[in-house]
Amino acid sequence: MICWKCKKEIPLEKPARSDECPLCHADLHVCKACEFYESGAHNDCRESSADMVTEKERANFCDYFRTSRKLSSSQGACGISGNEKAAAARDAFNALFN
């Protein structure tokens, strides 16, 4: 699996609630590492039967958790995430008009 926080490969298929990334010590059984996580969806989750979890970056007991395959593809060819690209574009726009 890929750590949701540091984006490093971890030799683990399905994390237990207590598992952490050995590199950055982030919890691994979290909403942000789940296949069903989608920011902007109802409760930020596409699984309609899942209970609401308020802290998306903290370990939880969700029975619907499935390790996301999208984490590794959320970065571009240069390893830049979509959020970093958006921030760079916004900064370039502001530099033109300020």
N, C-alpha and C. Protein backbone atom coordinates (compact mmCIF):
# COMPACT_ATOMS: atom_id res chain seq x y z
N MET A 1 0.83 -1.17 0.00
CA MET A 1 0.00 0.00 0.00
C MET A 1 0.88 1.24 0.00
N ILE A 2 0.27 2.37 -0.29
CA ILE A 2 0.96 3.66 -0.30
C ILE A 2 0.46 4.47 0.89
N CYS A 3 1.38 5.06 1.65
CA CYS A 3 0.97 5.92 2.77
C CYS A 3 0.27 7.15 2.22
N TRP A 4 -0.89 7.49 2.78
CA TRP A 4 -1.69 8.63 2.34
C TRP A 4 -0.97 9.95 2.62
N LYS A 5 -0.08 9.96 3.61
CA LYS A 5 0.55 11.21 4.03
C LYS A 5 1.90 11.44 3.35
N CYS A 6 2.81 10.48 3.43
CA CYS A 6 4.16 10.68 2.86
C CYS A 6 4.32 10.07 1.47
N LYS A 7 3.30 9.31 1.02
CA LYS A 7 3.25 8.71 -0.32
C LYS A 7 4.33 7.65 -0.56
N LYS A 8 4.85 7.06 0.51
CA LYS A 8 5.85 6.01 0.38
C LYS A 8 5.19 4.65 0.34
N GLU A 9 5.80 3.72 -0.39
CA GLU A 9 5.31 2.35 -0.50
C GLU A 9 5.55 1.62 0.82
N ILE A 10 4.52 0.93 1.30
CA ILE A 10 4.60 0.17 2.54
C ILE A 10 4.21 -1.27 2.22
N PRO A 11 5.03 -2.24 2.66
CA PRO A 11 4.72 -3.65 2.37
C PRO A 11 3.60 -4.18 3.27
N LEU A 12 2.37 -3.70 3.03
CA LEU A 12 1.22 -4.07 3.83
C LEU A 12 0.01 -4.05 2.92
N GLU A 13 -0.78 -5.11 2.93
CA GLU A 13 -1.95 -5.18 2.05
C GLU A 13 -3.16 -4.47 2.64
N LYS A 14 -3.57 -4.87 3.85
CA LYS A 14 -4.72 -4.24 4.51
C LYS A 14 -4.33 -3.92 5.94
N PRO A 15 -4.24 -2.63 6.27
CA PRO A 15 -3.80 -2.26 7.61
C PRO A 15 -4.87 -2.51 8.67
N ALA A 16 -4.43 -2.85 9.87
CA ALA A 16 -5.31 -2.92 11.03
C ALA A 16 -5.45 -1.52 11.60
N ARG A 17 -6.38 -1.32 12.50
CA ARG A 17 -6.62 0.01 13.05
C ARG A 17 -5.38 0.60 13.71
N SER A 18 -4.54 -0.22 14.31
CA SER A 18 -3.37 0.28 15.05
C SER A 18 -2.12 0.45 14.19
N ASP A 19 -2.16 0.09 12.90
CA ASP A 19 -0.98 0.18 12.05
C ASP A 19 -0.63 1.62 11.71
N GLU A 20 0.69 1.90 11.69
CA GLU A 20 1.21 3.22 11.34
C GLU A 20 2.23 3.08 10.22
N CYS A 21 2.45 4.16 9.50
CA CYS A 21 3.51 4.21 8.51
C CYS A 21 4.84 4.16 9.25
N PRO A 22 5.76 3.27 8.86
CA PRO A 22 7.04 3.20 9.55
C PRO A 22 7.92 4.43 9.30
N LEU A 23 7.61 5.20 8.27
CA LEU A 23 8.43 6.37 7.95
C LEU A 23 7.94 7.67 8.59
N CYS A 24 6.64 7.98 8.44
CA CYS A 24 6.10 9.25 8.97
C CYS A 24 5.21 9.06 10.19
N HIS A 25 4.94 7.81 10.56
CA HIS A 25 4.13 7.45 11.74
C HIS A 25 2.67 7.90 11.64
N ALA A 26 2.17 8.11 10.43
CA ALA A 26 0.75 8.43 10.24
C ALA A 26 -0.07 7.15 10.39
N ASP A 27 -1.27 7.29 10.94
CA ASP A 27 -2.19 6.15 11.00
C ASP A 27 -2.50 5.71 9.57
N LEU A 28 -2.68 4.41 9.35
CA LEU A 28 -2.93 3.89 8.01
C LEU A 28 -4.38 3.50 7.76
N HIS A 29 -5.10 3.10 8.80
CA HIS A 29 -6.52 2.71 8.63
C HIS A 29 -7.36 3.98 8.81
N VAL A 30 -7.27 4.88 7.83
CA VAL A 30 -7.92 6.19 7.89
C VAL A 30 -8.75 6.42 6.63
N CYS A 31 -9.69 7.33 6.72
CA CYS A 31 -10.55 7.63 5.57
C CYS A 31 -9.74 8.05 4.34
N LYS A 32 -8.72 8.87 4.55
CA LYS A 32 -7.94 9.39 3.42
C LYS A 32 -7.17 8.30 2.68
N ALA A 33 -7.03 7.12 3.28
CA ALA A 33 -6.34 6.01 2.64
C ALA A 33 -7.32 4.98 2.09
N CYS A 34 -8.61 5.30 2.13
CA CYS A 34 -9.65 4.35 1.73
C CYS A 34 -10.11 4.58 0.29
N GLU A 35 -10.45 3.50 -0.36
CA GLU A 35 -10.97 3.56 -1.73
C GLU A 35 -12.26 4.37 -1.82
N PHE A 36 -13.05 4.38 -0.77
CA PHE A 36 -14.34 5.08 -0.79
C PHE A 36 -14.24 6.57 -0.45
N TYR A 37 -13.06 7.03 0.00
CA TYR A 37 -12.91 8.44 0.37
C TYR A 37 -13.00 9.32 -0.87
N GLU A 38 -13.88 10.32 -0.78
CA GLU A 38 -14.00 11.31 -1.86
C GLU A 38 -14.42 12.63 -1.23
N SER A 39 -13.51 13.57 -1.21
CA SER A 39 -13.80 14.88 -0.65
C SER A 39 -14.96 15.51 -1.41
N GLY A 40 -15.92 16.00 -0.68
CA GLY A 40 -17.10 16.61 -1.30
C GLY A 40 -18.30 15.69 -1.38
N ALA A 41 -18.09 14.40 -1.28
CA ALA A 41 -19.21 13.45 -1.25
C ALA A 41 -19.86 13.54 0.13
N HIS A 42 -21.06 12.99 0.29
CA HIS A 42 -21.73 12.98 1.59
C HIS A 42 -20.83 12.30 2.61
N ASN A 43 -20.50 12.99 3.68
CA ASN A 43 -19.55 12.53 4.71
C ASN A 43 -18.17 12.22 4.13
N ASP A 44 -17.87 12.74 2.96
CA ASP A 44 -16.60 12.49 2.25
C ASP A 44 -16.39 10.99 1.98
N CYS A 45 -17.49 10.25 1.81
CA CYS A 45 -17.41 8.81 1.61
C CYS A 45 -18.44 8.37 0.57
N ARG A 46 -17.99 7.55 -0.39
CA ARG A 46 -18.90 7.04 -1.41
C ARG A 46 -19.64 5.78 -0.95
N GLU A 47 -19.26 5.21 0.20
CA GLU A 47 -19.96 4.04 0.75
C GLU A 47 -21.14 4.55 1.56
N SER A 48 -22.34 4.34 1.05
CA SER A 48 -23.54 4.91 1.68
C SER A 48 -23.89 4.29 3.03
N SER A 49 -23.40 3.10 3.33
CA SER A 49 -23.74 2.44 4.59
C SER A 49 -22.74 2.72 5.71
N ALA A 50 -21.64 3.36 5.39
CA ALA A 50 -20.60 3.62 6.40
C ALA A 50 -21.06 4.67 7.40
N ASP A 51 -20.67 4.49 8.65
CA ASP A 51 -20.93 5.49 9.68
C ASP A 51 -20.07 6.72 9.42
N MET A 52 -20.53 7.87 9.89
CA MET A 52 -19.78 9.10 9.71
C MET A 52 -18.52 9.09 10.58
N VAL A 53 -17.41 9.47 9.98
CA VAL A 53 -16.14 9.60 10.69
C VAL A 53 -15.74 11.06 10.54
N THR A 54 -15.54 11.75 11.65
CA THR A 54 -15.24 13.18 11.58
C THR A 54 -13.77 13.47 11.33
N GLU A 55 -12.88 12.65 11.85
CA GLU A 55 -11.45 12.88 11.67
C GLU A 55 -10.92 11.94 10.60
N LYS A 56 -10.78 12.46 9.39
CA LYS A 56 -10.42 11.65 8.23
C LYS A 56 -8.97 11.18 8.21
N GLU A 57 -8.12 11.79 9.07
CA GLU A 57 -6.71 11.45 9.11
C GLU A 57 -6.32 10.66 10.35
N ARG A 58 -7.32 10.21 11.12
CA ARG A 58 -7.08 9.44 12.34
C ARG A 58 -7.61 8.02 12.16
N ALA A 59 -6.98 7.07 12.83
CA ALA A 59 -7.41 5.67 12.74
C ALA A 59 -8.86 5.54 13.18
N ASN A 60 -9.59 4.64 12.49
CA ASN A 60 -11.00 4.44 12.82
C ASN A 60 -11.36 2.95 12.71
N PHE A 61 -12.59 2.63 13.06
CA PHE A 61 -13.05 1.23 13.07
C PHE A 61 -13.97 0.90 11.89
N CYS A 62 -13.94 1.67 10.82
CA CYS A 62 -14.85 1.46 9.70
C CYS A 62 -14.68 0.05 9.10
N ASP A 63 -15.78 -0.67 9.02
CA ASP A 63 -15.76 -2.03 8.46
C ASP A 63 -15.70 -2.03 6.93
N TYR A 64 -15.95 -0.91 6.31
CA TYR A 64 -15.97 -0.82 4.85
C TYR A 64 -14.61 -0.41 4.27
N PHE A 65 -13.62 -0.19 5.12
CA PHE A 65 -12.31 0.27 4.66
C PHE A 65 -11.71 -0.67 3.63
N ARG A 66 -11.29 -0.09 2.52
CA ARG A 66 -10.53 -0.82 1.49
C ARG A 66 -9.36 0.07 1.09
N THR A 67 -8.17 -0.48 1.06
CA THR A 67 -6.98 0.30 0.72
C THR A 67 -7.14 0.92 -0.66
N SER A 68 -6.92 2.22 -0.73
CA SER A 68 -7.07 2.94 -1.98
C SER A 68 -5.96 2.60 -2.96
N ARG A 69 -6.32 2.46 -4.20
CA ARG A 69 -5.34 2.27 -5.28
C ARG A 69 -5.03 3.59 -5.95
N LYS A 70 -5.79 4.65 -5.60
CA LYS A 70 -5.64 5.95 -6.23
C LYS A 70 -4.50 6.78 -5.66
N LEU A 71 -4.02 6.44 -4.48
CA LEU A 71 -3.02 7.28 -3.83
C LEU A 71 -1.76 7.43 -4.67
N SER A 72 -1.33 6.35 -5.30
CA SER A 72 -0.11 6.45 -6.10
C SER A 72 -0.33 7.23 -7.38
N SER A 73 -1.56 7.27 -7.90
CA SER A 73 -1.81 8.01 -9.13
C SER A 73 -2.23 9.45 -8.89
N SER A 74 -2.32 9.86 -7.60
CA SER A 74 -2.72 11.24 -7.31
C SER A 74 -1.57 12.21 -7.54
N GLN A 75 -0.38 11.68 -7.79
CA GLN A 75 0.75 12.53 -8.08
C GLN A 75 1.04 12.48 -9.57
N GLY A 76 1.56 13.57 -10.06
CA GLY A 76 1.92 13.64 -11.47
C GLY A 76 3.23 12.93 -11.74
N ALA A 77 3.72 13.04 -12.97
CA ALA A 77 4.95 12.38 -13.35
C ALA A 77 6.15 12.89 -12.56
N CYS A 78 6.11 14.13 -12.10
CA CYS A 78 7.21 14.72 -11.34
C CYS A 78 7.02 14.55 -9.84
N GLY A 79 6.00 13.84 -9.40
CA GLY A 79 5.75 13.65 -7.99
C GLY A 79 5.04 14.82 -7.34
N ILE A 80 4.41 15.67 -8.13
CA ILE A 80 3.71 16.84 -7.60
C ILE A 80 2.23 16.49 -7.51
N SER A 81 1.64 16.72 -6.34
CA SER A 81 0.23 16.41 -6.15
C SER A 81 -0.64 17.45 -6.82
N GLY A 82 -1.91 17.13 -6.98
CA GLY A 82 -2.87 18.05 -7.58
C GLY A 82 -3.01 19.32 -6.77
N ASN A 83 -2.96 19.22 -5.43
CA ASN A 83 -3.06 20.41 -4.58
C ASN A 83 -1.86 21.33 -4.79
N GLU A 84 -0.67 20.75 -4.92
CA GLU A 84 0.53 21.56 -5.14
C GLU A 84 0.48 22.24 -6.51
N LYS A 85 -0.04 21.53 -7.51
CA LYS A 85 -0.18 22.13 -8.84
C LYS A 85 -1.17 23.29 -8.81
N ALA A 86 -2.27 23.12 -8.09
CA ALA A 86 -3.27 24.17 -7.98
C ALA A 86 -2.69 25.39 -7.28
N ALA A 87 -1.92 25.17 -6.22
CA ALA A 87 -1.31 26.28 -5.49
C ALA A 87 -0.30 27.02 -6.38
N ALA A 88 0.47 26.28 -7.15
CA ALA A 88 1.44 26.90 -8.04
C ALA A 88 0.74 27.72 -9.13
N ALA A 89 -0.35 27.19 -9.67
CA ALA A 89 -1.12 27.92 -10.69
C ALA A 89 -1.73 29.19 -10.10
N ARG A 90 -2.25 29.09 -8.88
CA ARG A 90 -2.84 30.25 -8.22
C ARG A 90 -1.78 31.32 -7.96
N ASP A 91 -0.58 30.90 -7.52
CA ASP A 91 0.51 31.85 -7.28
C ASP A 91 0.94 32.53 -8.57
N ALA A 92 1.01 31.77 -9.65
CA ALA A 92 1.39 32.35 -10.94
C ALA A 92 0.35 33.35 -11.41
N PHE A 93 -0.93 33.04 -11.23
CA PHE A 93 -2.02 33.95 -11.60
C PHE A 93 -1.93 35.24 -10.80
N ASN A 94 -1.74 35.09 -9.48
CA ASN A 94 -1.63 36.27 -8.61
C ASN A 94 -0.42 37.13 -8.96
N ALA A 95 0.67 36.50 -9.36
CA ALA A 95 1.87 37.24 -9.74
C ALA A 95 1.62 38.07 -11.02
N LEU A 96 0.78 37.59 -11.90
CA LEU A 96 0.47 38.32 -13.12
C LEU A 96 -0.38 39.55 -12.85
N PHE A 97 -1.30 39.44 -11.91
CA PHE A 97 -2.29 40.49 -11.73
C PHE A 97 -2.13 41.30 -10.44
N ASN A 98 -1.05 41.12 -9.73
CA ASN A 98 -0.81 41.92 -8.51
C ASN A 98 0.36 42.85 -8.70
